[in-house]
Amino acid sequence: MAVVREFTLPDLGEGLTEAVIVQWLVEVGEVVAVDQPVVEVETAKAMVEVPCPYGGVVTARFGAAGTEVPVGAPLVTVAVGAAPEESAGRGSAPGSANGSASVAVPAAPAPAAEGAGTGAAGSGNVLVGYGTSGAAARRRRILPSAAEAPARRSATPAPPATTNGTATTNGTATTNGTAVADGARTVAVISPLVRRIAREHDLDLRDVRGSGRDGLILRTDVESAVRALGERQSAAARPAGPADTAAGPVPGEERIPLKGLRGAAAEKFSRSRREIPDATCWVDADATDLLATRRAMNVPGAPKVSLLALLARVCTAALARYPELNATVDTTAQEIVRLPAVHLGFAAQTDRGLVVPVVRDAQDRTVEQLSAEIARLTDAARAGKLSPAELSRGTFTLNNYGVFGVDGSTPILNHPEAAMLGVGRIAAKPWVHEGELAVREVVQLSFTFDHRVCDGGTAGGFLRYVADCVEQPALLLRSL
């Protein structure tokens, strides 16, 4: 007899607490293998295909495309050990979540070893919360499915009193296995990130209504409450006038939700502006010789070297001279933390918005290796296939906004990094070269830095060294 297993959205790492369903990769009644991807989801970091650790027949899917799903919520149920025709012949069960079809199978007790998969062969899935061992304990209590709930209720004593979907016992609240005591009312919240955001904005979580399962407060709920609080405070600070009586949406206006990648970027930009006292300096440089050097490198039959890779190599050489700029600020300990390795991020524009892939240990790579890795990460970014690890823990960012045809910019620092080099377009301009006026290829370089980490002398020295290397690429030989 088949065993129905429920697969929930696993912890995708990097502090992510929810994801949006992009598309289903399997249909109800379809046979899936262990670790076969069943759904593609979008997180605040990237697009991810989520593999299922169970093999069998898909009996139900939970959530349509565009649905936001919190970590721990069910994605699919799988009948382990059922034949496809056996499951299909039993008809469909009514009441499937979000209108998704489901296939009824005989109920059976869940096996004792969670993650046992099919027989002795365990899942090779390495997502957080699922692994190859068969005896790992759950990190969260998973609520019973609709089919299992009546049987469990009949065999379980009456539950304690609940408030807003959260059980309370002797003044202590429990939410999905997490106990939270908060005055007269309990708060349904799991994520430490949600609590931190609320704390930073002096937001009382007891006033927030959760949109998650059983009233669970999600990050989007807190961000919406923070925006509403700010609007109320702004309205209170304004003198009353005719405009205050014309509340409501404007006809024809378009509203775009700040969710997923767009929402994560907005939160990071806002936090950078709130926390980092940044400053920017800039200089024009003659890039004619740099372009000539690149042409000389790209001989027929050799791997191509991109201009961005050359600039990346200039950055690593400059950071070797000014290591205080490869740093971050620990606001809790009130310390500047200088980092041993250069994990170089570079801004990449995609159809889904701006992302910053990270080249690990850039200081140890040659120009050719940098070019190959930048190309790989750029292709993955445009396809939406970057992993969260490839989008995080950068230490310095290179921003080539010249691809948009602009000369200069004052970019927002990629929090919590302390510095960013910006590169404008390279254009032919009149320039004094060797004492005579000539037409040269000129680029504007800008450098934005955290003023807590260094003063203007260090920032100016860094930028001047970068400009010198752009004008005289032979200077790079000193650092190779």
Protein backbone atom coordinates (compact mmCIF):
# COMPACT_ATOMS: atom_id res chain seq x y z
CA MET A 1 0.00 0.00 0.00
CA ALA A 2 1.27 3.44 -0.91
CA VAL A 3 2.55 5.86 1.73
CA VAL A 4 1.57 9.49 1.20
CA ARG A 5 4.46 11.83 1.94
CA GLU A 6 4.15 15.61 2.18
CA PHE A 7 7.04 17.68 0.81
CA THR A 8 7.22 21.22 2.19
CA LEU A 9 9.19 24.24 0.98
CA PRO A 10 12.64 23.71 2.50
CA ASP A 11 14.88 26.34 4.06
CA LEU A 12 16.74 27.71 1.02
CA GLY A 13 19.44 29.32 3.17
CA GLU A 14 20.74 32.91 3.39
CA GLY A 15 17.92 33.90 5.78
CA LEU A 16 15.19 33.45 3.15
CA THR A 17 11.77 32.91 4.72
CA GLU A 18 9.47 32.66 1.70
CA ALA A 19 9.43 32.15 -2.06
CA VAL A 20 7.03 32.79 -4.95
CA ILE A 21 5.96 29.90 -7.18
CA VAL A 22 7.04 30.63 -10.78
CA GLN A 23 6.00 27.41 -12.52
CA TRP A 24 5.28 23.78 -11.75
CA LEU A 25 7.58 21.24 -13.34
CA VAL A 26 5.34 18.20 -12.66
CA GLU A 27 1.64 17.39 -13.01
CA VAL A 28 -0.67 15.61 -10.61
CA GLY A 29 -0.52 11.87 -11.38
CA GLU A 30 3.00 12.10 -12.78
CA VAL A 31 5.72 9.75 -11.52
CA VAL A 32 8.73 11.56 -10.02
CA ALA A 33 12.13 10.22 -9.04
CA VAL A 34 14.04 11.00 -5.87
CA ASP A 35 15.57 14.49 -6.10
CA GLN A 36 13.70 15.38 -9.30
CA PRO A 37 12.86 19.12 -9.47
CA VAL A 38 9.11 19.58 -9.03
CA VAL A 39 8.69 23.37 -8.90
CA GLU A 40 10.59 26.52 -9.81
CA VAL A 41 10.38 29.31 -7.24
CA GLU A 42 11.68 32.85 -7.06
CA THR A 43 13.29 34.02 -3.85
CA ALA A 44 14.70 37.40 -2.93
CA LYS A 45 18.03 36.08 -4.25
CA ALA A 46 17.44 34.02 -7.38
CA MET A 47 15.29 31.55 -9.30
CA VAL A 48 15.59 28.07 -7.79
CA GLU A 49 14.39 24.65 -8.95
CA VAL A 50 13.31 22.75 -5.83
CA PRO A 51 13.94 18.97 -5.90
CA CYS A 52 11.65 16.57 -4.03
CA PRO A 53 13.37 14.03 -1.73
CA TYR A 54 10.64 11.41 -2.33
CA GLY A 55 10.04 9.18 -5.33
CA GLY A 56 6.53 8.12 -6.33
CA VAL A 57 3.30 9.51 -7.81
CA VAL A 58 2.38 13.17 -7.31
CA THR A 59 -1.06 13.24 -5.67
CA ALA A 60 -1.51 16.98 -5.04
CA ARG A 61 0.08 20.36 -5.68
CA PHE A 62 -0.34 23.34 -3.36
CA GLY A 63 -0.37 26.85 -4.79
CA ALA A 64 -0.75 28.32 -8.26
CA ALA A 65 1.91 30.30 -10.14
CA GLY A 66 2.44 33.65 -8.44
CA THR A 67 1.55 32.35 -4.97
CA GLU A 68 3.90 33.33 -2.15
CA VAL A 69 4.77 30.30 -0.03
CA PRO A 70 6.46 30.51 3.40
CA VAL A 71 9.21 28.09 4.38
CA GLY A 72 7.60 24.99 5.90
CA ALA A 73 4.38 25.22 3.87
CA PRO A 74 3.43 22.16 1.75
CA LEU A 75 4.37 22.08 -1.92
CA VAL A 76 3.33 18.60 -3.08
CA THR A 77 2.24 15.25 -1.70
CA VAL A 78 3.76 12.10 -3.15
CA ALA A 79 2.43 8.55 -2.93
CA VAL A 80 5.58 6.53 -2.32
CA GLY A 81 5.27 3.01 -3.69
CA ALA A 82 2.08 3.65 -5.73
CA ALA A 83 1.78 2.70 -9.39
CA PRO A 84 0.64 5.53 -11.70
CA GLU A 85 -2.43 3.68 -12.95
CA GLU A 86 -3.39 2.74 -9.39
CA SER A 87 -3.34 6.37 -8.28
CA ALA A 88 -5.04 7.69 -11.40
CA GLY A 89 -7.85 5.14 -11.14
CA ARG A 90 -8.98 6.37 -7.76
CA GLY A 91 -10.27 9.69 -9.08
CA SER A 92 -9.52 13.16 -7.85
CA ALA A 93 -10.09 14.44 -4.35
CA PRO A 94 -12.18 17.59 -3.91
CA GLY A 95 -10.93 20.62 -2.03
CA SER A 96 -7.35 20.66 -3.24
CA ALA A 97 -5.45 23.77 -2.20
CA ASN A 98 -5.60 26.81 -4.52
CA GLY A 99 -7.62 24.91 -7.05
CA SER A 100 -4.84 22.47 -7.90
CA ALA A 101 -5.90 18.96 -8.83
CA SER A 102 -5.15 16.06 -6.52
CA VAL A 103 -5.23 12.27 -6.72
CA ALA A 104 -6.55 10.20 -3.84
CA VAL A 105 -4.42 7.31 -2.55
CA PRO A 106 -4.82 5.00 0.43
CA ALA A 107 -3.64 6.59 3.65
CA ALA A 108 -0.89 4.88 5.58
CA PRO A 109 1.15 5.67 8.66
CA ALA A 110 4.26 7.76 7.97
CA PRO A 111 7.49 5.83 8.37
CA ALA A 112 9.58 6.46 11.44
CA ALA A 113 12.64 7.73 9.59
CA GLU A 114 11.95 11.14 8.01
CA GLY A 115 13.68 11.50 4.66
CA ALA A 116 13.91 7.74 4.07
CA GLY A 117 12.86 8.31 0.45
CA THR A 118 12.17 5.12 -1.39
CA GLY A 119 13.46 2.21 0.56
CA ALA A 120 16.98 2.28 1.88
CA ALA A 121 18.22 4.74 -0.70
CA GLY A 122 17.97 8.19 0.84
CA SER A 123 17.69 11.49 -0.95
CA GLY A 124 20.83 13.18 -2.16
CA ASN A 125 19.14 16.56 -1.73
CA VAL A 126 21.38 19.07 0.01
CA LEU A 127 18.84 21.86 0.56
CA VAL A 128 18.73 23.00 4.17
CA GLY A 129 16.25 20.89 6.09
CA TYR A 130 16.71 17.82 3.88
CA GLY A 131 19.78 15.65 3.59
CA THR A 132 21.11 12.22 2.83
CA SER A 133 20.65 10.75 6.29
CA GLY A 134 17.36 9.16 7.22
CA ALA A 135 17.14 9.97 10.93
CA ALA A 136 17.50 13.76 10.99
CA ALA A 137 14.92 15.51 13.18
CA ARG A 138 12.65 18.17 11.71
CA ARG A 139 13.70 21.76 12.29
CA ARG A 140 10.04 22.82 12.33
CA ARG A 141 6.78 21.16 13.24
CA ILE A 142 4.90 20.58 10.01
CA LEU A 143 1.14 20.98 10.32
CA PRO A 144 -0.89 17.91 9.23
CA SER A 145 -2.40 17.85 5.77
CA ALA A 146 -6.15 18.13 5.31
CA ALA A 147 -6.48 14.35 4.85
CA GLU A 148 -4.58 13.56 8.04
CA ALA A 149 -6.10 16.23 10.28
CA PRO A 150 -9.41 14.46 11.28
CA ALA A 151 -7.60 11.26 12.29
CA ARG A 152 -5.07 13.19 14.35
CA ARG A 153 -7.74 15.29 16.05
CA SER A 154 -9.65 12.19 17.14
CA ALA A 155 -6.54 10.71 18.76
CA THR A 156 -5.30 13.94 20.35
CA PRO A 157 -6.56 15.65 23.55
CA ALA A 158 -8.29 19.01 23.19
CA PRO A 159 -5.75 21.71 22.36
CA PRO A 160 -5.11 24.66 24.63
CA ALA A 161 -6.71 28.03 23.98
CA THR A 162 -5.59 29.78 20.83
CA THR A 163 -5.14 33.40 19.91
CA ASN A 164 -4.97 34.35 16.23
CA GLY A 165 -4.16 30.74 15.29
CA THR A 166 -1.39 30.51 17.94
CA ALA A 167 -1.66 28.11 20.87
CA THR A 168 -1.08 29.49 24.39
CA THR A 169 -0.27 27.55 27.53
CA ASN A 170 0.28 29.26 30.91
CA GLY A 171 1.00 32.59 29.20
CA THR A 172 3.51 31.15 26.70
CA ALA A 173 2.72 31.24 22.99
CA THR A 174 3.80 28.61 20.48
CA THR A 175 3.87 29.27 16.75
CA ASN A 176 4.75 26.32 14.49
CA GLY A 177 6.92 24.99 17.27
CA THR A 178 8.35 28.37 18.33
CA ALA A 179 7.33 29.79 21.70
CA VAL A 180 6.84 33.56 21.93
CA ALA A 181 5.41 35.29 25.02
CA ASP A 182 4.54 38.91 24.25
CA GLY A 183 2.34 40.57 26.83
CA ALA A 184 -1.38 40.04 26.62
CA ARG A 185 -1.30 38.78 23.04
CA THR A 186 0.84 36.20 21.28
CA VAL A 187 2.82 36.95 18.12
CA ALA A 188 2.87 34.38 15.30
CA VAL A 189 6.39 34.84 13.96
CA ILE A 190 9.22 32.40 13.21
CA SER A 191 11.89 34.31 11.32
CA PRO A 192 14.58 36.21 13.27
CA LEU A 193 14.86 38.46 10.20
CA VAL A 194 11.23 39.51 10.62
CA ARG A 195 11.82 40.36 14.28
CA ARG A 196 14.95 42.35 13.43
CA ILE A 197 13.20 44.42 10.75
CA ALA A 198 10.38 45.18 13.18
CA ARG A 199 12.86 46.11 15.90
CA GLU A 200 14.80 48.45 13.59
CA HIS A 201 11.61 50.36 12.77
CA ASP A 202 10.14 50.35 16.32
CA LEU A 203 7.21 48.29 15.06
CA ASP A 204 5.09 46.35 17.57
CA LEU A 205 4.51 42.90 16.05
CA ARG A 206 1.30 42.59 18.08
CA ASP A 207 -0.23 45.15 15.74
CA VAL A 208 0.67 43.20 12.60
CA ARG A 209 -1.78 40.77 10.99
CA GLY A 210 0.03 37.78 9.46
CA SER A 211 -0.85 36.59 5.96
CA GLY A 212 0.94 33.26 6.30
CA ARG A 213 -0.41 29.90 7.35
CA ASP A 214 -2.29 30.09 10.68
CA GLY A 215 -1.66 33.82 10.86
CA LEU A 216 2.12 33.49 10.54
CA ILE A 217 3.73 36.94 10.16
CA LEU A 218 5.91 37.05 7.03
CA ARG A 219 8.55 39.52 5.97
CA THR A 220 6.16 41.10 3.46
CA ASP A 221 3.65 41.73 6.27
CA VAL A 222 6.25 43.57 8.34
CA GLU A 223 7.50 45.61 5.36
CA SER A 224 3.92 46.62 4.52
CA ALA A 225 3.32 47.62 8.13
CA VAL A 226 6.55 49.66 8.17
CA ARG A 227 5.49 51.51 5.00
CA ALA A 228 2.04 52.17 6.44
CA LEU A 229 3.57 53.42 9.70
CA GLY A 230 5.83 55.79 7.77
CA GLU A 231 2.89 57.12 5.75
CA ARG A 232 0.90 57.73 8.92
CA GLN A 233 3.80 59.57 10.51
CA SER A 234 4.32 61.68 7.38
CA ALA A 235 0.61 62.51 7.21
CA ALA A 236 0.62 63.51 10.88
CA ALA A 237 3.59 65.82 10.30
CA ARG A 238 1.91 67.61 7.35
CA PRO A 239 -0.55 70.43 8.00
CA ALA A 240 -4.12 69.57 7.15
CA GLY A 241 -5.19 70.78 3.71
CA PRO A 242 -7.42 70.01 0.72
CA ALA A 243 -5.04 67.29 -0.49
CA ASP A 244 -5.60 65.27 2.71
CA THR A 245 -9.27 64.85 1.88
CA ALA A 246 -8.58 63.39 -1.57
CA ALA A 247 -7.43 59.99 -0.32
CA GLY A 248 -7.67 56.92 -2.51
CA PRO A 249 -6.10 55.55 -5.69
CA VAL A 250 -5.58 57.77 -8.71
CA PRO A 251 -7.47 56.58 -11.83
CA GLY A 252 -5.12 54.82 -14.25
CA GLU A 253 -2.28 54.41 -11.77
CA GLU A 254 -0.22 51.22 -11.84
CA ARG A 255 0.94 49.49 -8.65
CA ILE A 256 3.91 47.10 -8.73
CA PRO A 257 4.45 44.91 -5.63
CA LEU A 258 7.87 45.25 -4.01
CA LYS A 259 8.36 41.51 -3.71
CA GLY A 260 10.94 38.94 -4.69
CA LEU A 261 14.13 40.31 -6.19
CA ARG A 262 12.73 43.83 -6.54
CA GLY A 263 11.67 43.93 -2.90
CA ALA A 264 14.99 42.57 -1.66
CA ALA A 265 16.90 45.18 -3.68
CA ALA A 266 14.67 47.98 -2.37
CA GLU A 267 15.23 46.90 1.22
CA LYS A 268 19.00 46.68 0.69
CA PHE A 269 19.19 50.11 -0.95
CA SER A 270 17.15 51.67 1.86
CA ARG A 271 19.28 50.04 4.53
CA SER A 272 22.48 51.20 2.84
CA ARG A 273 21.25 54.80 2.78
CA ARG A 274 20.12 54.62 6.42
CA GLU A 275 23.27 53.07 7.86
CA ILE A 276 26.27 54.05 5.69
CA PRO A 277 27.66 57.60 5.53
CA ASP A 278 28.93 57.35 1.97
CA ALA A 279 30.94 59.82 -0.10
CA THR A 280 31.98 59.86 -3.76
CA CYS A 281 35.00 61.16 -5.65
CA TRP A 282 35.72 60.87 -9.38
CA VAL A 283 38.36 61.44 -12.04
CA ASP A 284 38.65 61.30 -15.84
CA ALA A 285 41.23 58.92 -17.29
CA ASP A 286 42.67 58.24 -20.75
CA ALA A 287 41.72 54.62 -21.54
CA THR A 288 43.29 54.52 -25.01
CA ASP A 289 46.20 52.31 -23.96
CA LEU A 290 43.90 50.03 -21.94
CA LEU A 291 41.82 49.34 -25.03
CA ALA A 292 44.99 48.71 -27.03
CA THR A 293 46.19 46.26 -24.37
CA ARG A 294 42.92 44.35 -24.57
CA ARG A 295 43.16 44.11 -28.36
CA ALA A 296 46.71 42.76 -28.03
CA MET A 297 45.52 40.11 -25.54
CA ASN A 298 42.70 38.89 -27.75
CA VAL A 299 44.84 37.17 -30.36
CA PRO A 300 43.18 34.56 -32.61
CA GLY A 301 42.83 31.18 -30.91
CA ALA A 302 43.19 32.50 -27.36
CA PRO A 303 40.32 32.83 -24.86
CA LYS A 304 38.75 36.27 -25.06
CA VAL A 305 39.50 38.78 -22.31
CA SER A 306 36.72 41.25 -21.51
CA LEU A 307 37.24 44.88 -20.58
CA LEU A 308 35.39 44.23 -17.32
CA ALA A 309 37.91 41.50 -16.45
CA LEU A 310 40.80 43.95 -16.98
CA LEU A 311 39.09 46.47 -14.70
CA ALA A 312 38.47 43.71 -12.15
CA ARG A 313 42.18 42.91 -12.16
CA VAL A 314 42.92 46.61 -11.63
CA CYS A 315 40.56 46.59 -8.63
CA THR A 316 42.25 43.61 -6.97
CA ALA A 317 45.66 45.24 -7.45
CA ALA A 318 44.37 48.49 -5.93
CA LEU A 319 42.83 46.66 -2.97
CA ALA A 320 46.16 44.95 -2.33
CA ARG A 321 47.61 48.45 -1.90
CA TYR A 322 44.65 49.76 0.13
CA PRO A 323 43.36 46.72 2.08
CA GLU A 324 41.37 48.93 4.47
CA LEU A 325 38.80 49.34 1.69
CA ASN A 326 38.10 45.60 1.51
CA ALA A 327 36.15 45.79 4.73
CA THR A 328 32.81 46.12 6.47
CA VAL A 329 31.58 47.74 9.68
CA ASP A 330 30.26 45.68 12.58
CA THR A 331 27.75 48.11 14.07
CA THR A 332 27.03 45.86 17.05
CA ALA A 333 30.64 45.63 18.18
CA GLN A 334 31.50 49.08 16.76
CA GLU A 335 34.46 47.65 14.85
CA ILE A 336 35.85 47.90 11.33
CA VAL A 337 36.38 44.37 10.00
CA ARG A 338 39.09 44.05 7.34
CA LEU A 339 38.56 40.98 5.18
CA PRO A 340 41.37 38.67 4.00
CA ALA A 341 39.97 37.76 0.54
CA VAL A 342 38.49 39.87 -2.25
CA HIS A 343 35.08 38.53 -3.25
CA LEU A 344 34.41 40.85 -6.16
CA GLY A 345 30.81 41.63 -7.06
CA PHE A 346 29.83 43.19 -10.37
CA ALA A 347 26.52 44.77 -11.23
CA ALA A 348 24.54 42.92 -13.92
CA GLN A 349 21.25 44.12 -15.38
CA THR A 350 18.72 41.37 -16.12
CA ASP A 351 15.07 41.17 -17.14
CA ARG A 352 14.24 40.57 -13.47
CA GLY A 353 16.18 43.61 -12.28
CA LEU A 354 19.66 44.45 -11.02
CA VAL A 355 21.70 41.62 -9.49
CA VAL A 356 25.28 41.53 -8.21
CA PRO A 357 26.99 38.15 -8.85
CA VAL A 358 30.17 37.58 -6.85
CA VAL A 359 33.53 36.27 -8.11
CA ARG A 360 35.11 34.37 -5.20
CA ASP A 361 38.79 34.94 -4.35
CA ALA A 362 39.24 37.36 -7.23
CA GLN A 363 42.72 38.30 -5.98
CA ASP A 364 44.00 34.81 -6.91
CA ARG A 365 42.65 34.79 -10.48
CA THR A 366 44.38 35.86 -13.68
CA VAL A 367 42.72 38.22 -16.15
CA GLU A 368 41.78 35.24 -18.31
CA GLN A 369 40.24 33.40 -15.34
CA LEU A 370 38.37 36.52 -14.24
CA SER A 371 36.96 36.93 -17.74
CA ALA A 372 35.73 33.33 -17.86
CA GLU A 373 34.09 33.51 -14.42
CA ILE A 374 32.42 36.86 -15.12
CA ALA A 375 31.00 35.46 -18.37
CA ARG A 376 29.68 32.35 -16.59
CA LEU A 377 28.01 34.34 -13.81
CA THR A 378 26.52 36.83 -16.29
CA ASP A 379 24.92 34.04 -18.34
CA ALA A 380 23.52 32.45 -15.16
CA ALA A 381 22.17 35.82 -13.99
CA ARG A 382 20.31 36.44 -17.26
CA ALA A 383 18.84 32.93 -17.10
CA GLY A 384 17.79 33.45 -13.47
CA LYS A 385 19.89 30.45 -12.36
CA LEU A 386 22.29 32.05 -9.89
CA SER A 387 22.37 30.34 -6.50
CA PRO A 388 22.01 32.41 -3.31
CA ALA A 389 25.70 31.74 -2.55
CA GLU A 390 26.69 33.33 -5.88
CA LEU A 391 24.78 36.50 -4.98
CA SER A 392 26.00 37.07 -1.44
CA ARG A 393 29.02 37.76 0.79
CA GLY A 394 30.75 40.11 -1.63
CA THR A 395 33.42 42.43 -0.22
CA PHE A 396 33.80 44.99 -3.04
CA THR A 397 31.66 45.87 -6.08
CA LEU A 398 32.61 46.94 -9.62
CA ASN A 399 29.78 48.81 -11.31
CA ASN A 400 30.10 49.29 -15.08
CA TYR A 401 27.25 51.73 -15.72
CA GLY A 402 28.96 52.83 -18.95
CA VAL A 403 27.00 50.08 -20.74
CA PHE A 404 23.95 52.36 -20.37
CA GLY A 405 25.71 55.14 -22.26
CA VAL A 406 26.22 57.45 -19.28
CA ASP A 407 29.41 59.12 -18.09
CA GLY A 408 29.03 59.31 -14.32
CA SER A 409 27.02 58.16 -11.33
CA THR A 410 26.91 58.25 -7.55
CA PRO A 411 25.78 54.66 -6.83
CA ILE A 412 24.41 53.32 -3.56
CA LEU A 413 26.85 51.03 -1.77
CA ASN A 414 26.05 47.34 -1.78
CA HIS A 415 25.42 46.92 1.97
CA PRO A 416 27.42 45.90 4.02
CA GLU A 417 30.40 46.55 1.71
CA ALA A 418 32.54 49.64 2.28
CA ALA A 419 33.41 50.66 -1.30
CA MET A 420 32.39 50.52 -4.96
CA LEU A 421 34.18 51.52 -8.16
CA GLY A 422 32.00 52.95 -10.93
CA VAL A 423 33.03 53.02 -14.59
CA GLY A 424 31.33 55.26 -17.14
CA ARG A 425 31.26 54.96 -20.92
CA ILE A 426 34.51 55.18 -22.87
CA ALA A 427 34.11 57.89 -25.49
CA ALA A 428 36.38 59.79 -27.88
CA LYS A 429 37.12 63.25 -26.46
CA PRO A 430 39.71 66.01 -26.90
CA TRP A 431 42.58 65.34 -24.50
CA VAL A 432 46.05 66.79 -23.92
CA HIS A 433 48.42 63.91 -24.66
CA GLU A 434 52.20 64.38 -24.42
CA GLY A 435 51.79 68.14 -24.51
CA GLU A 436 49.53 68.25 -27.56
CA LEU A 437 45.79 68.27 -28.06
CA ALA A 438 44.60 64.94 -29.43
CA VAL A 439 41.44 62.81 -29.65
CA ARG A 440 41.67 60.06 -27.03
CA GLU A 441 39.36 57.43 -25.53
CA VAL A 442 38.35 58.92 -22.17
CA VAL A 443 36.46 57.31 -19.26
CA GLN A 444 35.12 58.77 -16.03
CA LEU A 445 35.86 56.69 -12.90
CA SER A 446 33.91 57.25 -9.69
CA PHE A 447 34.63 55.83 -6.27
CA THR A 448 32.00 55.63 -3.53
CA PHE A 449 33.17 54.68 -0.04
CA ASP A 450 32.02 54.34 3.55
CA HIS A 451 33.51 57.36 5.34
CA ARG A 452 33.65 55.39 8.60
CA VAL A 453 36.20 53.03 7.06
CA CYS A 454 38.60 55.58 5.57
CA ASP A 455 39.16 59.27 4.95
CA GLY A 456 39.40 61.14 1.66
CA GLY A 457 43.16 60.61 1.40
CA THR A 458 42.81 56.82 1.25
CA ALA A 459 39.88 57.00 -1.15
CA GLY A 460 41.74 59.46 -3.39
CA GLY A 461 44.86 57.29 -3.36
CA PHE A 462 42.86 54.22 -4.39
CA LEU A 463 41.10 56.02 -7.23
CA ARG A 464 44.30 57.63 -8.46
CA TYR A 465 46.05 54.24 -8.61
CA VAL A 466 43.11 52.79 -10.59
CA ALA A 467 43.24 55.72 -13.01
CA ASP A 468 47.02 55.31 -13.44
CA CYS A 469 46.57 51.61 -14.28
CA VAL A 470 43.86 52.48 -16.81
CA GLU A 471 46.17 55.03 -18.46
CA GLN A 472 49.30 52.87 -18.18
CA PRO A 473 48.33 49.17 -17.99
CA ALA A 474 52.00 48.24 -17.64
CA LEU A 475 51.75 49.35 -13.99
CA LEU A 476 49.75 46.18 -13.34
CA LEU A 477 52.93 44.15 -13.89
CA ARG A 478 54.15 45.36 -10.50
CA SER A 479 51.32 43.51 -8.75
CA LEU A 480 51.33 40.28 -10.79
